[in-house]
Amino acid sequence: MSRLARLTNVLVTLLVVTGCGSSYRVIVLQHPTTKQTVHCTRTPSSWPTDLHTCVRGYEKAGYIVVGDSDK
C-alpha cells in the first residue's frame, strides 16, 4: 500500500472517530525510516495512562506522532 493510501486511511479513520462524538481517542505514529504506521487507542473503558504508555513506548522505538483524533 502506498504512503498516500496509508495516510488517507489514517485520516479517514480519525475523521470517523472524531465525528462520532465518542470518548474514543486514536493517536497514529509513523516510523520515519520504515514508514510503518501504528496506532494507540483510548476507549471508554481504558485509563488515559494506557494511551500515554502506548505512545511513549512507540516514541522510544523511534516513531513520531502523525495524527491525533483530539487535535
PDB file of N, CA and C in Angstrom:
ATOM      1  N   MET A   1       0.850  -1.166   0.000  1.00  0.00           N
ATOM      2  CA  MET A   1       0.000   0.000   0.000  1.00  0.00           C
ATOM      3  C   MET A   1       0.899   1.233   0.000  1.00  0.00           C
ATOM      4  N   SER A   2       0.584   2.202  -0.803  1.00  0.00           N
ATOM      5  CA  SER A   2       1.407   3.399  -0.903  1.00  0.00           C
ATOM      6  C   SER A   2       1.275   4.255   0.348  1.00  0.00           C
ATOM      7  N   ARG A   3       2.244   5.114   0.544  1.00  0.00           N
ATOM      8  CA  ARG A   3       2.228   6.006   1.708  1.00  0.00           C
ATOM      9  C   ARG A   3       0.996   6.893   1.670  1.00  0.00           C
ATOM     10  N   LEU A   4       0.648   7.409   0.501  1.00  0.00           N
ATOM     11  CA  LEU A   4      -0.529   8.265   0.373  1.00  0.00           C
ATOM     12  C   LEU A   4      -1.794   7.508   0.750  1.00  0.00           C
ATOM     13  N   ALA A   5      -1.908   6.268   0.326  1.00  0.00           N
ATOM     14  CA  ALA A   5      -3.082   5.467   0.655  1.00  0.00           C
ATOM     15  C   ALA A   5      -3.157   5.203   2.158  1.00  0.00           C
ATOM     16  N   ARG A   6      -2.008   4.911   2.783  1.00  0.00           N
ATOM     17  CA  ARG A   6      -1.987   4.664   4.236  1.00  0.00           C
ATOM     18  C   ARG A   6      -2.402   5.916   4.991  1.00  0.00           C
ATOM     19  N   LEU A   7      -1.840   7.056   4.609  1.00  0.00           N
ATOM     20  CA  LEU A   7      -2.185   8.300   5.298  1.00  0.00           C
ATOM     21  C   LEU A   7      -3.645   8.673   5.072  1.00  0.00           C
ATOM     22  N   THR A   8      -4.160   8.397   3.884  1.00  0.00           N
ATOM     23  CA  THR A   8      -5.573   8.651   3.615  1.00  0.00           C
ATOM     24  C   THR A   8      -6.442   7.786   4.518  1.00  0.00           C
ATOM     25  N   ASN A   9      -6.082   6.513   4.670  1.00  0.00           N
ATOM     26  CA  ASN A   9      -6.826   5.620   5.566  1.00  0.00           C
ATOM     27  C   ASN A   9      -6.781   6.120   7.003  1.00  0.00           C
ATOM     28  N   VAL A  10      -5.634   6.584   7.434  1.00  0.00           N
ATOM     29  CA  VAL A  10      -5.488   7.099   8.790  1.00  0.00           C
ATOM     30  C   VAL A  10      -6.374   8.327   8.984  1.00  0.00           C
ATOM     31  N   LEU A  11      -6.336   9.246   8.041  1.00  0.00           N
ATOM     32  CA  LEU A  11      -7.139  10.456   8.163  1.00  0.00           C
ATOM     33  C   LEU A  11      -8.631  10.151   8.160  1.00  0.00           C
ATOM     34  N   VAL A  12      -9.063   9.245   7.321  1.00  0.00           N
ATOM     35  CA  VAL A  12     -10.476   8.865   7.285  1.00  0.00           C
ATOM     36  C   VAL A  12     -10.876   8.254   8.624  1.00  0.00           C
ATOM     37  N   THR A  13     -10.025   7.398   9.163  1.00  0.00           N
ATOM     38  CA  THR A  13     -10.306   6.791  10.468  1.00  0.00           C
ATOM     39  C   THR A  13     -10.424   7.859  11.538  1.00  0.00           C
ATOM     40  N   LEU A  14      -9.510   8.819  11.544  1.00  0.00           N
ATOM     41  CA  LEU A  14      -9.560   9.886  12.531  1.00  0.00           C
ATOM     42  C   LEU A  14     -10.835  10.713  12.395  1.00  0.00           C
ATOM     43  N   LEU A  15     -11.241  11.000  11.170  1.00  0.00           N
ATOM     44  CA  LEU A  15     -12.459  11.772  10.959  1.00  0.00           C
ATOM     45  C   LEU A  15     -13.693  11.014  11.432  1.00  0.00           C
ATOM     46  N   VAL A  16     -13.737   9.731  11.159  1.00  0.00           N
ATOM     47  CA  VAL A  16     -14.882   8.918  11.594  1.00  0.00           C
ATOM     48  C   VAL A  16     -14.948   8.868  13.112  1.00  0.00           C
ATOM     49  N   VAL A  17     -13.806   8.645  13.745  1.00  0.00           N
ATOM     50  CA  VAL A  17     -13.788   8.542  15.209  1.00  0.00           C
ATOM     51  C   VAL A  17     -14.187   9.867  15.848  1.00  0.00           C
ATOM     52  N   THR A  18     -13.651  10.965  15.361  1.00  0.00           N
ATOM     53  CA  THR A  18     -13.968  12.259  15.967  1.00  0.00           C
ATOM     54  C   THR A  18     -15.384  12.691  15.626  1.00  0.00           C
ATOM     55  N   GLY A  19     -15.889  12.295  14.496  1.00  0.00           N
ATOM     56  CA  GLY A  19     -17.234  12.685  14.100  1.00  0.00           C
ATOM     57  C   GLY A  19     -18.326  11.996  14.889  1.00  0.00           C
ATOM     58  N   CYS A  20     -17.991  10.930  15.557  1.00  0.00           N
ATOM     59  CA  CYS A  20     -18.982  10.179  16.322  1.00  0.00           C
ATOM     60  C   CYS A  20     -19.254  10.807  17.674  1.00  0.00           C
ATOM     61  N   GLY A  21     -18.431  11.746  18.111  1.00  0.00           N
ATOM     62  CA  GLY A  21     -18.636  12.373  19.397  1.00  0.00           C
ATOM     63  C   GLY A  21     -18.448  11.407  20.560  1.00  0.00           C
ATOM     64  N   SER A  22     -17.645  10.411  20.368  1.00  0.00           N
ATOM     65  CA  SER A  22     -17.435   9.411  21.409  1.00  0.00           C
ATOM     66  C   SER A  22     -16.227   9.785  22.255  1.00  0.00           C
ATOM     67  N   SER A  23     -15.966   8.984  23.279  1.00  0.00           N
ATOM     68  CA  SER A  23     -14.808   9.228  24.121  1.00  0.00           C
ATOM     69  C   SER A  23     -13.607   8.406  23.655  1.00  0.00           C
ATOM     70  N   TYR A  24     -13.649   7.908  22.454  1.00  0.00           N
ATOM     71  CA  TYR A  24     -12.509   7.196  21.884  1.00  0.00           C
ATOM     72  C   TYR A  24     -11.468   8.211  21.442  1.00  0.00           C
ATOM     73  N   ARG A  25     -10.214   7.840  21.536  1.00  0.00           N
ATOM     74  CA  ARG A  25      -9.129   8.682  21.032  1.00  0.00           C
ATOM     75  C   ARG A  25      -8.130   7.780  20.346  1.00  0.00           C
ATOM     76  N   VAL A  26      -7.673   8.211  19.199  1.00  0.00           N
ATOM     77  CA  VAL A  26      -6.688   7.453  18.434  1.00  0.00           C
ATOM     78  C   VAL A  26      -5.498   8.358  18.161  1.00  0.00           C
ATOM     79  N   ILE A  27      -4.310   7.854  18.454  1.00  0.00           N
ATOM     80  CA  ILE A  27      -3.075   8.552  18.111  1.00  0.00           C
ATOM     81  C   ILE A  27      -2.313   7.654  17.142  1.00  0.00           C
ATOM     82  N   VAL A  28      -1.969   8.212  15.983  1.00  0.00           N
ATOM     83  CA  VAL A  28      -1.269   7.465  14.942  1.00  0.00           C
ATOM     84  C   VAL A  28       0.195   7.893  14.944  1.00  0.00           C
ATOM     85  N   LEU A  29       1.065   6.910  14.895  1.00  0.00           N
ATOM     86  CA  LEU A  29       2.502   7.160  14.865  1.00  0.00           C
ATOM     87  C   LEU A  29       3.109   6.491  13.644  1.00  0.00           C
ATOM     88  N   GLN A  30       4.207   7.071  13.159  1.00  0.00           N
ATOM     89  CA  GLN A  30       4.882   6.500  11.990  1.00  0.00           C
ATOM     90  C   GLN A  30       6.380   6.491  12.234  1.00  0.00           C
ATOM     91  N   HIS A  31       7.012   5.403  11.808  1.00  0.00           N
ATOM     92  CA  HIS A  31       8.468   5.313  11.913  1.00  0.00           C
ATOM     93  C   HIS A  31       9.063   6.043  10.713  1.00  0.00           C
ATOM     94  N   PRO A  32       9.948   7.005  10.940  1.00  0.00           N
ATOM     95  CA  PRO A  32      10.485   7.815   9.833  1.00  0.00           C
ATOM     96  C   PRO A  32      11.309   7.038   8.814  1.00  0.00           C
ATOM     97  N   THR A  33      11.922   5.941   9.207  1.00  0.00           N
ATOM     98  CA  THR A  33      12.751   5.169   8.284  1.00  0.00           C
ATOM     99  C   THR A  33      11.941   4.130   7.529  1.00  0.00           C
ATOM    100  N   THR A  34      11.169   3.327   8.268  1.00  0.00           N
ATOM    101  CA  THR A  34      10.429   2.227   7.638  1.00  0.00           C
ATOM    102  C   THR A  34       9.079   2.666   7.080  1.00  0.00           C
ATOM    103  N   LYS A  35       8.592   3.821   7.541  1.00  0.00           N
ATOM    104  CA  LYS A  35       7.276   4.371   7.154  1.00  0.00           C
ATOM    105  C   LYS A  35       6.115   3.521   7.678  1.00  0.00           C
ATOM    106  N   GLN A  36       6.411   2.565   8.564  1.00  0.00           N
ATOM    107  CA  GLN A  36       5.348   1.752   9.165  1.00  0.00           C
ATOM    108  C   GLN A  36       4.518   2.632  10.090  1.00  0.00           C
ATOM    109  N   THR A  37       3.190   2.495  10.029  1.00  0.00           N
ATOM    110  CA  THR A  37       2.309   3.242  10.913  1.00  0.00           C
ATOM    111  C   THR A  37       1.680   2.293  11.928  1.00  0.00           C
ATOM    112  N   VAL A  38       1.479   2.818  13.119  1.00  0.00           N
ATOM    113  CA  VAL A  38       0.845   2.092  14.214  1.00  0.00           C
ATOM    114  C   VAL A  38      -0.120   3.060  14.887  1.00  0.00           C
ATOM    115  N   HIS A  39      -0.992   2.530  15.733  1.00  0.00           N
ATOM    116  CA  HIS A  39      -1.891   3.421  16.457  1.00  0.00           C
ATOM    117  C   HIS A  39      -2.082   2.975  17.891  1.00  0.00           C
ATOM    118  N   CYS A  40      -2.341   3.961  18.736  1.00  0.00           N
ATOM    119  CA  CYS A  40      -2.677   3.733  20.137  1.00  0.00           C
ATOM    120  C   CYS A  40      -4.094   4.270  20.319  1.00  0.00           C
ATOM    121  N   THR A  41      -4.909   3.521  21.046  1.00  0.00           N
ATOM    122  CA  THR A  41      -6.316   3.874  21.176  1.00  0.00           C
ATOM    123  C   THR A  41      -6.727   3.939  22.642  1.00  0.00           C
ATOM    124  N   ARG A  42      -7.528   4.951  22.962  1.00  0.00           N
ATOM    125  CA  ARG A  42      -8.170   5.017  24.274  1.00  0.00           C
ATOM    126  C   ARG A  42      -9.649   4.759  24.059  1.00  0.00           C
ATOM    127  N   THR A  43     -10.185   3.841  24.812  1.00  0.00           N
ATOM    128  CA  THR A  43     -11.609   3.528  24.747  1.00  0.00           C
ATOM    129  C   THR A  43     -12.273   4.012  26.036  1.00  0.00           C
ATOM    130  N   PRO A  44     -13.597   4.038  26.072  1.00  0.00           N
ATOM    131  CA  PRO A  44     -14.265   4.477  27.296  1.00  0.00           C
ATOM    132  C   PRO A  44     -13.881   3.641  28.527  1.00  0.00           C
ATOM    133  N   SER A  45     -13.476   2.400  28.333  1.00  0.00           N
ATOM    134  CA  SER A  45     -13.149   1.544  29.475  1.00  0.00           C
ATOM    135  C   SER A  45     -11.664   1.518  29.829  1.00  0.00           C
ATOM    136  N   SER A  46     -10.820   2.224  29.073  1.00  0.00           N
ATOM    137  CA  SER A  46      -9.384   2.202  29.366  1.00  0.00           C
ATOM    138  C   SER A  46      -8.976   3.465  30.116  1.00  0.00           C
ATOM    139  N   TRP A  47      -7.846   3.399  30.764  1.00  0.00           N
ATOM    140  CA  TRP A  47      -7.319   4.530  31.509  1.00  0.00           C
ATOM    141  C   TRP A  47      -6.533   5.440  30.573  1.00  0.00           C
ATOM    142  N   PRO A  48      -6.587   6.747  30.782  1.00  0.00           N
ATOM    143  CA  PRO A  48      -5.778   7.664  29.946  1.00  0.00           C
ATOM    144  C   PRO A  48      -4.293   7.336  29.975  1.00  0.00           C
ATOM    145  N   THR A  49      -3.807   6.821  31.104  1.00  0.00           N
ATOM    146  CA  THR A  49      -2.377   6.487  31.178  1.00  0.00           C
ATOM    147  C   THR A  49      -2.025   5.348  30.235  1.00  0.00           C
ATOM    148  N   ASP A  50      -2.986   4.458  29.923  1.00  0.00           N
ATOM    149  CA  ASP A  50      -2.729   3.381  28.958  1.00  0.00           C
ATOM    150  C   ASP A  50      -2.371   3.961  27.600  1.00  0.00           C
ATOM    151  N   LEU A  51      -3.077   4.994  27.191  1.00  0.00           N
ATOM    152  CA  LEU A  51      -2.817   5.654  25.911  1.00  0.00           C
ATOM    153  C   LEU A  51      -1.422   6.272  25.918  1.00  0.00           C
ATOM    154  N   HIS A  52      -1.096   6.980  26.975  1.00  0.00           N
ATOM    155  CA  HIS A  52       0.206   7.638  27.050  1.00  0.00           C
ATOM    156  C   HIS A  52       1.349   6.627  27.120  1.00  0.00           C
ATOM    157  N   THR A  53       1.137   5.533  27.822  1.00  0.00           N
ATOM    158  CA  THR A  53       2.147   4.481  27.893  1.00  0.00           C
ATOM    159  C   THR A  53       2.398   3.890  26.509  1.00  0.00           C
ATOM    160  N   CYS A  54       1.333   3.663  25.765  1.00  0.00           N
ATOM    161  CA  CYS A  54       1.443   3.132  24.410  1.00  0.00           C
ATOM    162  C   CYS A  54       2.248   4.088  23.521  1.00  0.00           C
ATOM    163  N   VAL A  55       1.875   5.363  23.548  1.00  0.00           N
ATOM    164  CA  VAL A  55       2.551   6.367  22.709  1.00  0.00           C
ATOM    165  C   VAL A  55       4.019   6.474  23.090  1.00  0.00           C
ATOM    166  N   ARG A  56       4.320   6.563  24.376  1.00  0.00           N
ATOM    167  CA  ARG A  56       5.715   6.700  24.822  1.00  0.00           C
ATOM    168  C   ARG A  56       6.557   5.489  24.404  1.00  0.00           C
ATOM    169  N   GLY A  57       5.972   4.319  24.460  1.00  0.00           N
ATOM    170  CA  GLY A  57       6.699   3.117  24.038  1.00  0.00           C
ATOM    171  C   GLY A  57       7.107   3.178  22.578  1.00  0.00           C
ATOM    172  N   TYR A  58       6.170   3.597  21.731  1.00  0.00           N
ATOM    173  CA  TYR A  58       6.499   3.719  20.307  1.00  0.00           C
ATOM    174  C   TYR A  58       7.493   4.854  20.061  1.00  0.00           C
ATOM    175  N   GLU A  59       7.351   5.961  20.795  1.00  0.00           N
ATOM    176  CA  GLU A  59       8.297   7.069  20.625  1.00  0.00           C
ATOM    177  C   GLU A  59       9.712   6.632  21.005  1.00  0.00           C
ATOM    178  N   LYS A  60       9.845   5.824  22.032  1.00  0.00           N
ATOM    179  CA  LYS A  60      11.174   5.309  22.421  1.00  0.00           C
ATOM    180  C   LYS A  60      11.766   4.435  21.329  1.00  0.00           C
ATOM    181  N   ALA A  61      10.889   3.812  20.527  1.00  0.00           N
ATOM    182  CA  ALA A  61      11.342   2.961  19.419  1.00  0.00           C
ATOM    183  C   ALA A  61      11.589   3.775  18.143  1.00  0.00           C
ATOM    184  N   GLY A  62      11.438   5.097  18.217  1.00  0.00           N
ATOM    185  CA  GLY A  62      11.744   5.946  17.075  1.00  0.00           C
ATOM    186  C   GLY A  62      10.545   6.456  16.293  1.00  0.00           C
ATOM    187  N   TYR A  63       9.334   6.090  16.693  1.00  0.00           N
ATOM    188  CA  TYR A  63       8.133   6.545  15.983  1.00  0.00           C
ATOM    189  C   TYR A  63       7.813   7.986  16.359  1.00  0.00           C
ATOM    190  N   ILE A  64       7.148   8.690  15.427  1.00  0.00           N
ATOM    191  CA  ILE A  64       6.695  10.050  15.700  1.00  0.00           C
ATOM    192  C   ILE A  64       5.189  10.127  15.486  1.00  0.00           C
ATOM    193  N   VAL A  65       4.534  10.995  16.240  1.00  0.00           N
ATOM    194  CA  VAL A  65       3.081  11.171  16.137  1.00  0.00           C
ATOM    195  C   VAL A  65       2.772  11.895  14.825  1.00  0.00           C
ATOM    196  N   VAL A  66       1.875  11.312  14.012  1.00  0.00           N
ATOM    197  CA  VAL A  66       1.470  11.931  12.747  1.00  0.00           C
ATOM    198  C   VAL A  66      -0.022  12.248  12.729  1.00  0.00           C
ATOM    199  N   GLY A  67      -0.744  11.829  13.755  1.00  0.00           N
ATOM    200  CA  GLY A  67      -2.174  12.118  13.805  1.00  0.00           C
ATOM    201  C   GLY A  67      -2.732  11.886  15.193  1.00  0.00           C
ATOM    202  N   ASP A  68      -3.712  12.714  15.556  1.00  0.00           N
ATOM    203  CA  ASP A  68      -4.349  12.612  16.869  1.00  0.00           C
ATOM    204  C   ASP A  68      -5.790  13.036  16.711  1.00  0.00           C
ATOM    205  N   SER A  69      -6.720  12.162  17.075  1.00  0.00           N
ATOM    206  CA  SER A  69      -8.143  12.463  16.886  1.00  0.00           C
ATOM    207  C   SER A  69      -8.616  13.600  17.785  1.00  0.00           C
ATOM    208  N   ASP A  70      -7.855  13.969  18.800  1.00  0.00           N
ATOM    209  CA  ASP A  70      -8.239  15.090  19.668  1.00  0.00           C
ATOM    210  C   ASP A  70      -7.772  16.437  19.127  1.00  0.00           C
ATOM    211  N   LYS A  71      -7.032  16.445  18.061  1.00  0.00           N
ATOM    212  CA  LYS A  71      -6.495  17.728  17.558  1.00  0.00           C
ATOM    213  C   LYS A  71      -6.947  17.997  16.158  1.00  0.00           C
TER     214      LYS A  71
END
